[in-house]
C-alpha atoms as a PDB file:
ATOM      1  CA  MET A   1     -25.903 -31.633 -29.986  1.00  0.00           C
ATOM      2  CA  GLU A   2     -23.912 -28.953 -31.759  1.00  0.00           C
ATOM      3  CA  PHE A   3     -20.419 -29.948 -32.570  1.00  0.00           C
ATOM      4  CA  LYS A   4     -17.710 -27.678 -31.184  1.00  0.00           C
ATOM      5  CA  ASP A   5     -14.654 -26.937 -33.203  1.00  0.00           C
ATOM      6  CA  TYR A   6     -11.845 -26.637 -30.607  1.00  0.00           C
ATOM      7  CA  TYR A   7      -9.244 -25.777 -33.276  1.00  0.00           C
ATOM      8  CA  ALA A   8     -11.293 -22.874 -34.452  1.00  0.00           C
ATOM      9  CA  LEU A   9     -11.835 -21.685 -30.831  1.00  0.00           C
ATOM     10  CA  LEU A  10      -8.095 -21.614 -30.325  1.00  0.00           C
ATOM     11  CA  GLU A  11      -7.477 -20.184 -33.814  1.00  0.00           C
ATOM     12  CA  VAL A  12      -5.075 -22.865 -34.838  1.00  0.00           C
ATOM     13  CA  GLU A  13      -4.987 -25.395 -37.627  1.00  0.00           C
ATOM     14  CA  PRO A  14      -5.870 -29.025 -36.964  1.00  0.00           C
ATOM     15  CA  THR A  15      -2.274 -29.900 -37.726  1.00  0.00           C
ATOM     16  CA  ALA A  16      -0.876 -27.550 -35.099  1.00  0.00           C
ATOM     17  CA  ASP A  17       1.677 -29.051 -32.726  1.00  0.00           C
ATOM     18  CA  LEU A  18       1.326 -28.778 -28.962  1.00  0.00           C
ATOM     19  CA  LYS A  19       3.619 -25.863 -28.612  1.00  0.00           C
ATOM     20  CA  THR A  20       1.559 -23.835 -31.154  1.00  0.00           C
ATOM     21  CA  ILE A  21      -1.683 -24.798 -29.290  1.00  0.00           C
ATOM     22  CA  LYS A  22      -0.242 -23.776 -25.950  1.00  0.00           C
ATOM     23  CA  THR A  23       0.907 -20.471 -27.262  1.00  0.00           C
ATOM     24  CA  ALA A  24      -2.490 -19.795 -28.825  1.00  0.00           C
ATOM     25  CA  TYR A  25      -4.235 -20.644 -25.606  1.00  0.00           C
ATOM     26  CA  ARG A  26      -2.126 -18.357 -23.527  1.00  0.00           C
ATOM     27  CA  ARG A  27      -2.553 -15.460 -25.951  1.00  0.00           C
ATOM     28  CA  LEU A  28      -6.336 -15.856 -25.975  1.00  0.00           C
ATOM     29  CA  ALA A  29      -6.627 -16.501 -22.273  1.00  0.00           C
ATOM     30  CA  ARG A  30      -4.826 -13.157 -21.573  1.00  0.00           C
ATOM     31  CA  LYS A  31      -7.236 -11.527 -24.018  1.00  0.00           C
ATOM     32  CA  TYR A  32     -10.380 -12.911 -22.418  1.00  0.00           C
ATOM     33  CA  HIS A  33      -9.493 -13.460 -18.767  1.00  0.00           C
ATOM     34  CA  PRO A  34     -12.429 -11.813 -16.870  1.00  0.00           C
ATOM     35  CA  ASP A  35     -10.053 -10.025 -14.443  1.00  0.00           C
ATOM     36  CA  VAL A  36      -8.290  -8.078 -17.173  1.00  0.00           C
ATOM     37  CA  SER A  37     -10.423  -8.265 -20.375  1.00  0.00           C
ATOM     38  CA  THR A  38     -12.610  -5.483 -21.742  1.00  0.00           C
ATOM     39  CA  GLU A  39     -13.985  -7.729 -24.389  1.00  0.00           C
ATOM     40  CA  ALA A  40     -17.751  -8.368 -24.453  1.00  0.00           C
ATOM     41  CA  ASP A  41     -18.767 -11.760 -23.061  1.00  0.00           C
ATOM     42  CA  ALA A  42     -15.182 -12.361 -21.935  1.00  0.00           C
ATOM     43  CA  GLU A  43     -16.047 -14.903 -19.221  1.00  0.00           C
ATOM     44  CA  ARG A  44     -17.896 -17.262 -21.609  1.00  0.00           C
ATOM     45  CA  LYS A  45     -15.110 -16.966 -24.185  1.00  0.00           C
ATOM     46  CA  PHE A  46     -12.462 -17.649 -21.526  1.00  0.00           C
ATOM     47  CA  LYS A  47     -14.218 -20.887 -20.442  1.00  0.00           C
ATOM     48  CA  GLN A  48     -14.402 -21.971 -24.049  1.00  0.00           C
ATOM     49  CA  MET A  49     -10.648 -21.353 -24.530  1.00  0.00           C
ATOM     50  CA  ALA A  50      -9.966 -23.329 -21.362  1.00  0.00           C
ATOM     51  CA  GLU A  51     -12.129 -26.280 -22.382  1.00  0.00           C
ATOM     52  CA  ALA A  52     -10.658 -26.437 -25.911  1.00  0.00           C
ATOM     53  CA  TYR A  53      -7.107 -26.410 -24.396  1.00  0.00           C
ATOM     54  CA  GLU A  54      -8.085 -29.125 -21.836  1.00  0.00           C
ATOM     55  CA  VAL A  55      -8.947 -31.461 -24.829  1.00  0.00           C
ATOM     56  CA  LEU A  56      -6.140 -30.598 -27.340  1.00  0.00           C
ATOM     57  CA  LYS A  57      -3.246 -30.601 -24.866  1.00  0.00           C
ATOM     58  CA  ASP A  58      -3.938 -34.273 -24.073  1.00  0.00           C
ATOM     59  CA  SER A  59      -2.828 -36.646 -26.873  1.00  0.00           C
ATOM     60  CA  ASP A  60      -5.439 -39.342 -26.062  1.00  0.00           C
ATOM     61  CA  ARG A  61      -8.337 -36.796 -25.860  1.00  0.00           C
ATOM     62  CA  ARG A  62      -7.157 -35.065 -28.941  1.00  0.00           C
ATOM     63  CA  ALA A  63      -7.015 -38.344 -30.948  1.00  0.00           C
ATOM     64  CA  GLU A  64     -10.466 -39.236 -29.940  1.00  0.00           C
ATOM     65  CA  TYR A  65     -11.733 -35.684 -30.668  1.00  0.00           C
ATOM     66  CA  ASP A  66      -9.992 -35.783 -34.134  1.00  0.00           C
ATOM     67  CA  LEU A  67     -11.779 -38.993 -34.971  1.00  0.00           C
ATOM     68  CA  LEU A  68     -15.115 -37.514 -33.965  1.00  0.00           C
ATOM     69  CA  ARG A  69     -14.315 -34.414 -35.932  1.00  0.00           C
ATOM     70  CA  GLN A  70     -13.584 -36.493 -39.060  1.00  0.00           C
ATOM     71  CA  HIS A  71     -17.050 -38.140 -38.896  1.00  0.00           C
ATOM     72  CA  ARG A  72     -19.048 -35.185 -37.671  1.00  0.00           C
ATOM     73  CA  ASP A  73     -20.780 -34.534 -41.075  1.00  0.00           C
ATOM     74  CA  ASP A  74     -21.460 -38.216 -42.020  1.00  0.00           C
ATOM     75  CA  PRO A  75     -25.264 -38.491 -42.222  1.00  0.00           C
ATOM     76  CA  ARG A  76     -24.994 -42.279 -41.756  1.00  0.00           C
ATOM     77  CA  PHE A  77     -23.239 -41.841 -38.340  1.00  0.00           C
ATOM     78  CA  SER A  78     -25.557 -42.283 -35.329  1.00  0.00           C
ATOM     79  CA  GLY A  79     -23.155 -43.395 -32.765  1.00  0.00           C
ATOM     80  CA  PRO A  80     -19.567 -43.020 -31.714  1.00  0.00           C
ATOM     81  CA  PRO A  81     -16.981 -43.480 -34.566  1.00  0.00           C
ATOM     82  CA  PRO A  82     -14.907 -46.713 -34.356  1.00  0.00           C
ATOM     83  CA  GLY A  83     -12.399 -46.551 -31.639  1.00  0.00           C
ATOM     84  CA  ALA A  84     -13.874 -43.406 -30.040  1.00  0.00           C
ATOM     85  CA  GLY A  85     -13.609 -44.484 -26.389  1.00  0.00           C
ATOM     86  CA  ASP A  86     -16.315 -46.784 -25.023  1.00  0.00           C
ATOM     87  CA  GLY A  87     -19.268 -45.518 -27.011  1.00  0.00           C
ATOM     88  CA  HIS A  88     -20.546 -42.901 -24.482  1.00  0.00           C
ATOM     89  CA  TRP A  89     -20.939 -40.180 -27.107  1.00  0.00           C
ATOM     90  CA  GLN A  90     -24.293 -39.971 -28.968  1.00  0.00           C
ATOM     91  CA  HIS A  91     -25.083 -37.764 -31.970  1.00  0.00           C
ATOM     92  CA  GLU A  92     -28.350 -35.997 -31.040  1.00  0.00           C
ATOM     93  CA  GLN A  93     -29.824 -33.945 -33.772  1.00  0.00           C
ATOM     94  CA  GLY A  94     -31.604 -30.852 -32.500  1.00  0.00           C
ATOM     95  CA  SER A  95     -30.530 -31.279 -28.862  1.00  0.00           C
ATOM     96  CA  ALA A  96     -29.937 -28.230 -26.720  1.00  0.00           C
ATOM     97  CA  SER A  97     -26.526 -26.779 -27.274  1.00  0.00           C
ATOM     98  CA  ASP A  98     -24.335 -26.538 -24.233  1.00  0.00           C
ATOM     99  CA  TYR A  99     -20.492 -26.416 -24.347  1.00  0.00           C
ATOM    100  CA  SER A 100     -19.789 -28.333 -21.211  1.00  0.00           C
ATOM    101  CA  ASP A 101     -22.440 -30.856 -22.056  1.00  0.00           C
ATOM    102  CA  PHE A 102     -20.636 -31.415 -25.289  1.00  0.00           C
ATOM    103  CA  PHE A 103     -17.416 -32.099 -23.458  1.00  0.00           C
ATOM    104  CA  GLU A 104     -19.062 -34.374 -21.034  1.00  0.00           C
ATOM    105  CA  SER A 105     -20.865 -36.355 -23.685  1.00  0.00           C
ATOM    106  CA  VAL A 106     -17.515 -37.042 -25.449  1.00  0.00           C
ATOM    107  CA  PHE A 107     -15.048 -37.353 -22.622  1.00  0.00           C
ATOM    108  CA  GLY A 108     -17.191 -37.786 -19.509  1.00  0.00           C
ATOM    109  CA  ARG A 109     -15.748 -41.119 -18.709  1.00  0.00           C
ATOM    110  CA  HIS A 110     -12.080 -40.272 -19.563  1.00  0.00           C
ATOM    111  CA  ALA A 111     -11.518 -36.832 -18.233  1.00  0.00           C
ATOM    112  CA  SER A 112     -10.100 -37.564 -14.737  1.00  0.00           C
ATOM    113  CA  GLY A 113     -12.995 -35.827 -13.075  1.00  0.00           C
ATOM    114  CA  PHE A 114     -13.229 -32.893 -15.485  1.00  0.00           C
ATOM    115  CA  GLN A 115     -17.011 -32.270 -15.611  1.00  0.00           C
ATOM    116  CA  GLY A 116     -17.149 -28.758 -16.909  1.00  0.00           C
ATOM    117  CA  GLN A 117     -15.037 -25.798 -15.968  1.00  0.00           C
ATOM    118  CA  THR A 118     -16.845 -24.983 -12.736  1.00  0.00           C
ATOM    119  CA  ARG A 119     -16.774 -28.448 -11.256  1.00  0.00           C
ATOM    120  CA  ARG A 120     -13.218 -29.350 -12.215  1.00  0.00           C
ATOM    121  CA  HIS A 121     -11.860 -26.169 -10.591  1.00  0.00           C
ATOM    122  CA  PRO A 122     -13.906 -25.463  -7.548  1.00  0.00           C
ATOM    123  CA  PRO A 123     -13.926 -21.969  -5.941  1.00  0.00           C
ATOM    124  CA  ARG A 124     -10.497 -21.199  -4.648  1.00  0.00           C
ATOM    125  CA  ARG A 125      -9.496 -18.181  -2.585  1.00  0.00           C
ATOM    126  CA  GLY A 126      -6.818 -16.013  -4.192  1.00  0.00           C
ATOM    127  CA  GLN A 127      -3.174 -16.155  -3.114  1.00  0.00           C
ATOM    128  CA  ASP A 128      -1.772 -13.680  -0.560  1.00  0.00           C
ATOM    129  CA  LEU A 129       0.981 -11.292  -1.749  1.00  0.00           C
ATOM    130  CA  GLU A 130       3.820  -9.799   0.317  1.00  0.00           C
ATOM    131  CA  MET A 131       6.095  -6.821  -0.447  1.00  0.00           C
ATOM    132  CA  GLU A 132       8.603  -4.857   1.702  1.00  0.00           C
ATOM    133  CA  VAL A 133       8.010  -1.117   2.424  1.00  0.00           C
ATOM    134  CA  PRO A 134      11.145   0.822   3.540  1.00  0.00           C
ATOM    135  CA  LEU A 135      10.608   3.509   6.131  1.00  0.00           C
ATOM    136  CA  PHE A 136      12.882   6.197   7.458  1.00  0.00           C
ATOM    137  CA  LEU A 137      12.872   6.331  11.306  1.00  0.00           C
ATOM    138  CA  GLU A 138      11.314   9.787  11.140  1.00  0.00           C
ATOM    139  CA  GLU A 139       8.360   8.311   9.290  1.00  0.00           C
ATOM    140  CA  THR A 140       7.455   6.010  12.204  1.00  0.00           C
ATOM    141  CA  LEU A 141       6.681   8.805  14.516  1.00  0.00           C
ATOM    142  CA  ALA A 142       3.341   9.802  12.972  1.00  0.00           C
ATOM    143  CA  GLY A 143       0.987   8.170  10.549  1.00  0.00           C
ATOM    144  CA  GLU A 144       2.333   8.471   7.028  1.00  0.00           C
ATOM    145  CA  SER A 145       0.497   8.029   3.715  1.00  0.00           C
ATOM    146  CA  ARG A 146       2.619   6.113   1.241  1.00  0.00           C
ATOM    147  CA  THR A 147       1.971   5.212  -2.411  1.00  0.00           C
ATOM    148  CA  VAL A 148       2.907   1.615  -3.066  1.00  0.00           C
ATOM    149  CA  SER A 149       2.974  -0.061  -6.527  1.00  0.00           C
ATOM    150  CA  PHE A 150       2.981  -3.817  -6.906  1.00  0.00           C
ATOM    151  CA  THR A 151       2.295  -6.530  -9.536  1.00  0.00           C
ATOM    152  CA  VAL A 152      -0.586  -8.972  -9.174  1.00  0.00           C
ATOM    153  CA  PRO A 153      -0.501 -12.254 -11.136  1.00  0.00           C
ATOM    154  CA  VAL A 154      -3.590 -13.200 -13.248  1.00  0.00           C
ATOM    155  CA  LEU A 155      -4.251 -16.931 -13.102  1.00  0.00           C
ATOM    156  CA  ASP A 156      -6.362 -19.083 -15.364  1.00  0.00           C
ATOM    157  CA  ALA A 157      -8.845 -21.544 -13.923  1.00  0.00           C
ATOM    158  CA  SER A 158      -6.221 -24.254 -13.445  1.00  0.00           C
ATOM    159  CA  GLY A 159      -3.924 -21.866 -11.513  1.00  0.00           C
ATOM    160  CA  ARG A 160      -1.474 -21.129 -14.219  1.00  0.00           C
ATOM    161  CA  GLN A 161      -0.230 -17.533 -14.539  1.00  0.00           C
ATOM    162  CA  ILE A 162      -1.248 -16.106 -17.871  1.00  0.00           C
ATOM    163  CA  ASP A 163      -0.711 -12.431 -17.240  1.00  0.00           C
ATOM    164  CA  GLU A 164      -0.067  -9.824 -14.610  1.00  0.00           C
ATOM    165  CA  VAL A 165      -1.614  -6.435 -13.662  1.00  0.00           C
ATOM    166  CA  LYS A 166       0.070  -3.436 -11.934  1.00  0.00           C
ATOM    167  CA  LYS A 167      -1.681  -1.825  -8.996  1.00  0.00           C
ATOM    168  CA  THR A 168      -0.987   1.491  -7.221  1.00  0.00           C
ATOM    169  CA  LEU A 169      -2.465   2.122  -3.741  1.00  0.00           C
ATOM    170  CA  LYS A 170      -2.306   4.960  -1.274  1.00  0.00           C
ATOM    171  CA  VAL A 171      -1.741   3.412   2.063  1.00  0.00           C
ATOM    172  CA  LYS A 172      -1.847   4.844   5.596  1.00  0.00           C
ATOM    173  CA  ILE A 173       1.153   3.563   7.656  1.00  0.00           C
ATOM    174  CA  PRO A 174       0.176   3.732  11.333  1.00  0.00           C
ATOM    175  CA  ALA A 175       2.421   5.421  13.788  1.00  0.00           C
ATOM    176  CA  GLY A 176       4.687   3.248  15.862  1.00  0.00           C
ATOM    177  CA  VAL A 177       5.358   0.488  13.339  1.00  0.00           C
ATOM    178  CA  THR A 178       8.443  -1.552  13.907  1.00  0.00           C
ATOM    179  CA  ASP A 179      10.929  -3.384  11.677  1.00  0.00           C
ATOM    180  CA  GLY A 180       9.461  -6.575  10.304  1.00  0.00           C
ATOM    181  CA  GLU A 181       5.818  -5.700  11.185  1.00  0.00           C
ATOM    182  CA  ARG A 182       3.262  -6.789   8.676  1.00  0.00           C
ATOM    183  CA  ILE A 183       0.240  -4.636   7.674  1.00  0.00           C
ATOM    184  CA  ARG A 184      -2.625  -6.474   5.991  1.00  0.00           C
ATOM    185  CA  LEU A 185      -4.535  -4.941   3.053  1.00  0.00           C
ATOM    186  CA  LYS A 186      -7.598  -7.112   2.725  1.00  0.00           C
ATOM    187  CA  GLY A 187      -8.597  -8.274  -0.732  1.00  0.00           C
ATOM    188  CA  GLN A 188      -5.579  -6.655  -2.547  1.00  0.00           C
ATOM    189  CA  GLY A 189      -3.886  -9.975  -3.472  1.00  0.00           C
ATOM    190  CA  VAL A 190      -4.586 -12.425  -6.278  1.00  0.00           C
ATOM    191  CA  ALA A 191      -8.180 -12.696  -7.469  1.00  0.00           C
ATOM    192  CA  GLY A 192     -10.098 -15.664  -6.255  1.00  0.00           C
ATOM    193  CA  SER A 193     -11.738 -18.059  -8.703  1.00  0.00           C
ATOM    194  CA  GLN A 194     -15.362 -18.914  -9.236  1.00  0.00           C
ATOM    195  CA  GLY A 195     -16.442 -16.106  -6.893  1.00  0.00           C
ATOM    196  CA  ALA A 196     -14.124 -17.034  -4.014  1.00  0.00           C
ATOM    197  CA  ALA A 197     -12.474 -14.222  -1.983  1.00  0.00           C
ATOM    198  CA  ASN A 198      -9.391 -12.448  -3.212  1.00  0.00           C
ATOM    199  CA  GLY A 199      -6.094 -12.927  -1.424  1.00  0.00           C
ATOM    200  CA  ASP A 200      -4.573 -10.170   0.799  1.00  0.00           C
ATOM    201  CA  LEU A 201      -1.612  -7.984   0.412  1.00  0.00           C
ATOM    202  CA  TYR A 202       0.814  -7.781   3.322  1.00  0.00           C
ATOM    203  CA  LEU A 203       3.180  -4.912   3.614  1.00  0.00           C
ATOM    204  CA  VAL A 204       6.346  -5.813   5.566  1.00  0.00           C
ATOM    205  CA  ILE A 205       7.941  -2.743   7.216  1.00  0.00           C
ATOM    206  CA  ARG A 206      11.665  -2.418   6.855  1.00  0.00           C
ATOM    207  CA  LEU A 207      13.386   0.411   8.752  1.00  0.00           C
ATOM    208  CA  ALA A 208      16.028   2.012   6.604  1.00  0.00           C
ATOM    209  CA  PRO A 209      19.476   2.436   8.282  1.00  0.00           C
ATOM    210  CA  HIS A 210      20.055   5.921   9.774  1.00  0.00           C
ATOM    211  CA  PRO A 211      23.360   7.764   9.535  1.00  0.00           C
ATOM    212  CA  LEU A 212      23.221   8.797  13.157  1.00  0.00           C
ATOM    213  CA  PHE A 213      20.985   6.444  15.208  1.00  0.00           C
ATOM    214  CA  GLU A 214      21.157   2.761  16.029  1.00  0.00           C
ATOM    215  CA  VAL A 215      17.789   1.077  16.750  1.00  0.00           C
ATOM    216  CA  ASP A 216      17.454  -1.073  19.935  1.00  0.00           C
ATOM    217  CA  GLY A 217      13.813  -2.088  20.188  1.00  0.00           C
ATOM    218  CA  GLN A 218      11.966   1.192  20.790  1.00  0.00           C
ATOM    219  CA  ASN A 219      15.136   2.917  21.983  1.00  0.00           C
ATOM    220  CA  LEU A 220      17.689   4.797  19.884  1.00  0.00           C
ATOM    221  CA  GLN A 221      21.436   5.117  20.486  1.00  0.00           C
ATOM    222  CA  ILE A 222      23.556   8.022  19.209  1.00  0.00           C
ATOM    223  CA  VAL A 223      27.363   8.417  19.637  1.00  0.00           C
ATOM    224  CA  VAL A 224      28.092  11.961  20.884  1.00  0.00           C
ATOM    225  CA  PRO A 225      31.718  13.072  20.333  1.00  0.00           C
ATOM    226  CA  VAL A 226      33.108  15.228  23.208  1.00  0.00           C
ATOM    227  CA  ALA A 227      36.363  16.984  23.716  1.00  0.00           C
ATOM    228  CA  PRO A 228      38.668  15.915  26.680  1.00  0.00           C
ATOM    229  CA  TRP A 229      37.976  19.140  28.502  1.00  0.00           C
ATOM    230  CA  GLU A 230      34.187  18.812  27.962  1.00  0.00           C
ATOM    231  CA  ALA A 231      34.326  15.377  29.591  1.00  0.00           C
ATOM    232  CA  ALA A 232      36.505  16.661  32.435  1.00  0.00           C
ATOM    233  CA  LEU A 233      34.828  19.987  33.172  1.00  0.00           C
ATOM    234  CA  GLY A 234      31.291  19.269  31.920  1.00  0.00           C
ATOM    235  CA  ALA A 235      29.500  21.009  29.072  1.00  0.00           C
ATOM    236  CA  THR A 236      26.127  21.525  27.335  1.00  0.00           C
ATOM    237  CA  VAL A 237      26.100  20.269  23.748  1.00  0.00           C
ATOM    238  CA  GLN A 238      23.502  20.219  21.017  1.00  0.00           C
ATOM    239  CA  VAL A 239      22.391  16.693  20.118  1.00  0.00           C
ATOM    240  CA  PRO A 240      20.139  15.669  17.194  1.00  0.00           C
ATOM    241  CA  THR A 241      16.968  13.633  17.676  1.00  0.00           C
ATOM    242  CA  LEU A 242      14.382  12.455  15.251  1.00  0.00           C
ATOM    243  CA  THR A 243      12.374  15.656  15.933  1.00  0.00           C
ATOM    244  CA  GLY A 244      15.062  18.181  16.146  1.00  0.00           C
ATOM    245  CA  LYS A 245      18.072  19.197  18.304  1.00  0.00           C
ATOM    246  CA  ILE A 246      18.098  19.196  22.092  1.00  0.00           C
ATOM    247  CA  SER A 247      20.563  20.558  24.683  1.00  0.00           C
ATOM    248  CA  LEU A 248      22.337  17.709  26.525  1.00  0.00           C
ATOM    249  CA  THR A 249      24.251  18.299  29.717  1.00  0.00           C
ATOM    250  CA  ILE A 250      27.585  16.503  29.953  1.00  0.00           C
ATOM    251  CA  PRO A 251      28.354  16.048  33.701  1.00  0.00           C
ATOM    252  CA  PRO A 252      31.909  16.952  34.907  1.00  0.00           C
ATOM    253  CA  GLY A 253      34.218  13.827  34.984  1.00  0.00           C
ATOM    254  CA  SER A 254      32.291  12.029  32.338  1.00  0.00           C
ATOM    255  CA  GLN A 255      33.915   8.858  30.912  1.00  0.00           C
ATOM    256  CA  ASN A 256      34.395   7.590  27.508  1.00  0.00           C
ATOM    257  CA  GLY A 257      31.519   5.194  26.698  1.00  0.00           C
ATOM    258  CA  GLN A 258      29.257   6.606  29.313  1.00  0.00           C
ATOM    259  CA  ARG A 259      25.560   6.410  28.440  1.00  0.00           C
ATOM    260  CA  LEU A 260      23.281   9.387  29.101  1.00  0.00           C
ATOM    261  CA  ARG A 261      19.548   8.761  28.918  1.00  0.00           C
ATOM    262  CA  VAL A 262      17.014  11.172  27.311  1.00  0.00           C
ATOM    263  CA  ARG A 263      13.490  10.099  28.047  1.00  0.00           C
ATOM    264  CA  GLY A 264      10.839   9.878  25.277  1.00  0.00           C
ATOM    265  CA  LYS A 265      13.190  10.670  22.396  1.00  0.00           C
ATOM    266  CA  GLY A 266      13.268   7.156  20.992  1.00  0.00           C
ATOM    267  CA  LEU A 267      10.803   5.563  18.529  1.00  0.00           C
ATOM    268  CA  SER A 268       7.063   5.871  19.091  1.00  0.00           C
ATOM    269  CA  GLY A 269       5.271   2.719  20.129  1.00  0.00           C
ATOM    270  CA  LYS A 270       1.573   1.837  20.206  1.00  0.00           C
ATOM    271  CA  THR A 271       1.271   2.875  23.871  1.00  0.00           C
ATOM    272  CA  SER A 272       4.527   4.576  24.731  1.00  0.00           C
ATOM    273  CA  SER A 273       7.764   6.026  23.319  1.00  0.00           C
ATOM    274  CA  GLY A 274      11.261   4.673  23.709  1.00  0.00           C
ATOM    275  CA  ASP A 275      14.264   6.660  24.973  1.00  0.00           C
ATOM    276  CA  LEU A 276      17.345   8.067  23.360  1.00  0.00           C
ATOM    277  CA  TYR A 277      20.778   6.980  24.730  1.00  0.00           C
ATOM    278  CA  ALA A 278      23.620   9.348  24.134  1.00  0.00           C
ATOM    279  CA  ILE A 279      26.919   7.346  24.233  1.00  0.00           C
ATOM    280  CA  LEU A 280      29.895   9.664  24.917  1.00  0.00           C
ATOM    281  CA  LYS A 281      33.001   9.308  22.847  1.00  0.00           C
ATOM    282  CA  VAL A 282      36.027  11.355  24.012  1.00  0.00           C
ATOM    283  CA  VAL A 283      37.747  12.572  20.914  1.00  0.00           C
ATOM    284  CA  MET A 284      41.349  13.955  20.966  1.00  0.00           C
ATOM    285  CA  PRO A 285      42.380  16.642  18.587  1.00  0.00           C
ATOM    286  CA  ALA A 286      44.089  15.222  15.519  1.00  0.00           C
ATOM    287  CA  LYS A 287      47.178  17.462  15.914  1.00  0.00           C
ATOM    288  CA  ALA A 288      48.135  19.792  18.750  1.00  0.00           C
ATOM    289  CA  ASP A 289      49.843  23.084  18.132  1.00  0.00           C
ATOM    290  CA  GLU A 290      52.738  24.319  20.206  1.00  0.00           C
ATOM    291  CA  GLN A 291      50.573  26.133  22.718  1.00  0.00           C
ATOM    292  CA  SER A 292      48.119  23.218  23.191  1.00  0.00           C
ATOM    293  CA  ALA A 293      51.020  20.728  23.541  1.00  0.00           C
ATOM    294  CA  ALA A 294      52.476  22.893  26.329  1.00  0.00           C
ATOM    295  CA  LEU A 295      49.144  22.870  28.189  1.00  0.00           C
ATOM    296  CA  TRP A 296      48.981  19.043  27.855  1.00  0.00           C
ATOM    297  CA  ARG A 297      52.437  18.792  29.290  1.00  0.00           C
ATOM    298  CA  GLU A 298      51.581  21.031  32.188  1.00  0.00           C
ATOM    299  CA  LEU A 299      48.454  18.978  32.879  1.00  0.00           C
ATOM    300  CA  ALA A 300      50.450  15.840  32.824  1.00  0.00           C
ATOM    301  CA  GLU A 301      52.956  17.164  35.276  1.00  0.00           C
ATOM    302  CA  LYS A 302      50.395  18.668  37.792  1.00  0.00           C
ATOM    303  CA  ALA A 303      47.469  16.137  37.528  1.00  0.00           C
ATOM    304  CA  ALA A 304      47.723  13.464  40.237  1.00  0.00           C
ATOM    305  CA  PHE A 305      46.105  10.829  38.048  1.00  0.00           C
ATOM    306  CA  ASP A 306      47.207   7.394  36.985  1.00  0.00           C
ATOM    307  CA  PRO A 307      44.739   5.687  34.581  1.00  0.00           C
ATOM    308  CA  ARG A 308      46.455   2.371  35.096  1.00  0.00           C
ATOM    309  CA  ALA A 309      46.509   2.465  38.918  1.00  0.00           C
ATOM    310  CA  ALA A 310      44.030  -0.535  39.101  1.00  0.00           C
ATOM    311  CA  TRP A 311      46.735  -2.711  37.556  1.00  0.00           C
ATOM    312  CA  GLU A 312      48.947  -2.190  40.578  1.00  0.00           C
ATOM    313  CA  SER A 313      46.403  -3.449  42.937  1.00  0.00           C
ATOM    314  CA  ALA A 314      45.573  -6.446  40.904  1.00  0.00           C
ATOM    315  CA  SER A 315      49.135  -7.627  40.567  1.00  0.00           C
END
């Protein structure tokens, strides 16, 4: 069986410490990982790197391997070197060369179940990813195409992250999405191992705050400032909606805080649309001129109205 030089595979000296070995492995794993590498024969080389690191990172395995390496050219050697485990390794001149077979022949009884890269790390589905996508309220009314960019971790066979790749996708956001809704993009998560399925990417919708509207389920609320005379006499005012302005009729005698319902001007849903609620807010002029103050005094004298009359009946 052909001897495999793990140090040469990781491009380190036999005297290298564990930190140097680990750094070399991560560098080469990034270079040869099948998901990101453009190198020829990357998958085979990646498995070689992983197997070499599996041995050299463990002090016991490394000591046994170093002893074997020391005697590898001794023509008198026909069995395991003294102290090399329990004698399970045999030097076979001219045998078929197989990397994992070499590992098994040396460490098969000490590797805690490691029997080659594929069997130690069985097929594993890739991890799911999640990212938030902010949307303006206006963007929920009709299907919108959005470009999303995200980062996908690249893992080695043991599940350690060795690199990351950036992805950009053009995604159709369906109409009627709500805050917190999750949209699944199948297979856009972390790559699976050993041919297993990739994970998925979940887009979590976050509705951005609006300067005019408050969201209440599928309904919207907007505060509509009105002058005292508009509330008293009634008026028609222009009110913004998500699709443009509409004319809203203020009934005579309207009260501060009164809610007026406008059907179908809320958020779109999967089967129906919500409503818009206009909340009236009576606003006084900041400062009255002499003529306006005189009119207010005249109104106070002539109007038979006591806003606190209910207190009298309650006392």
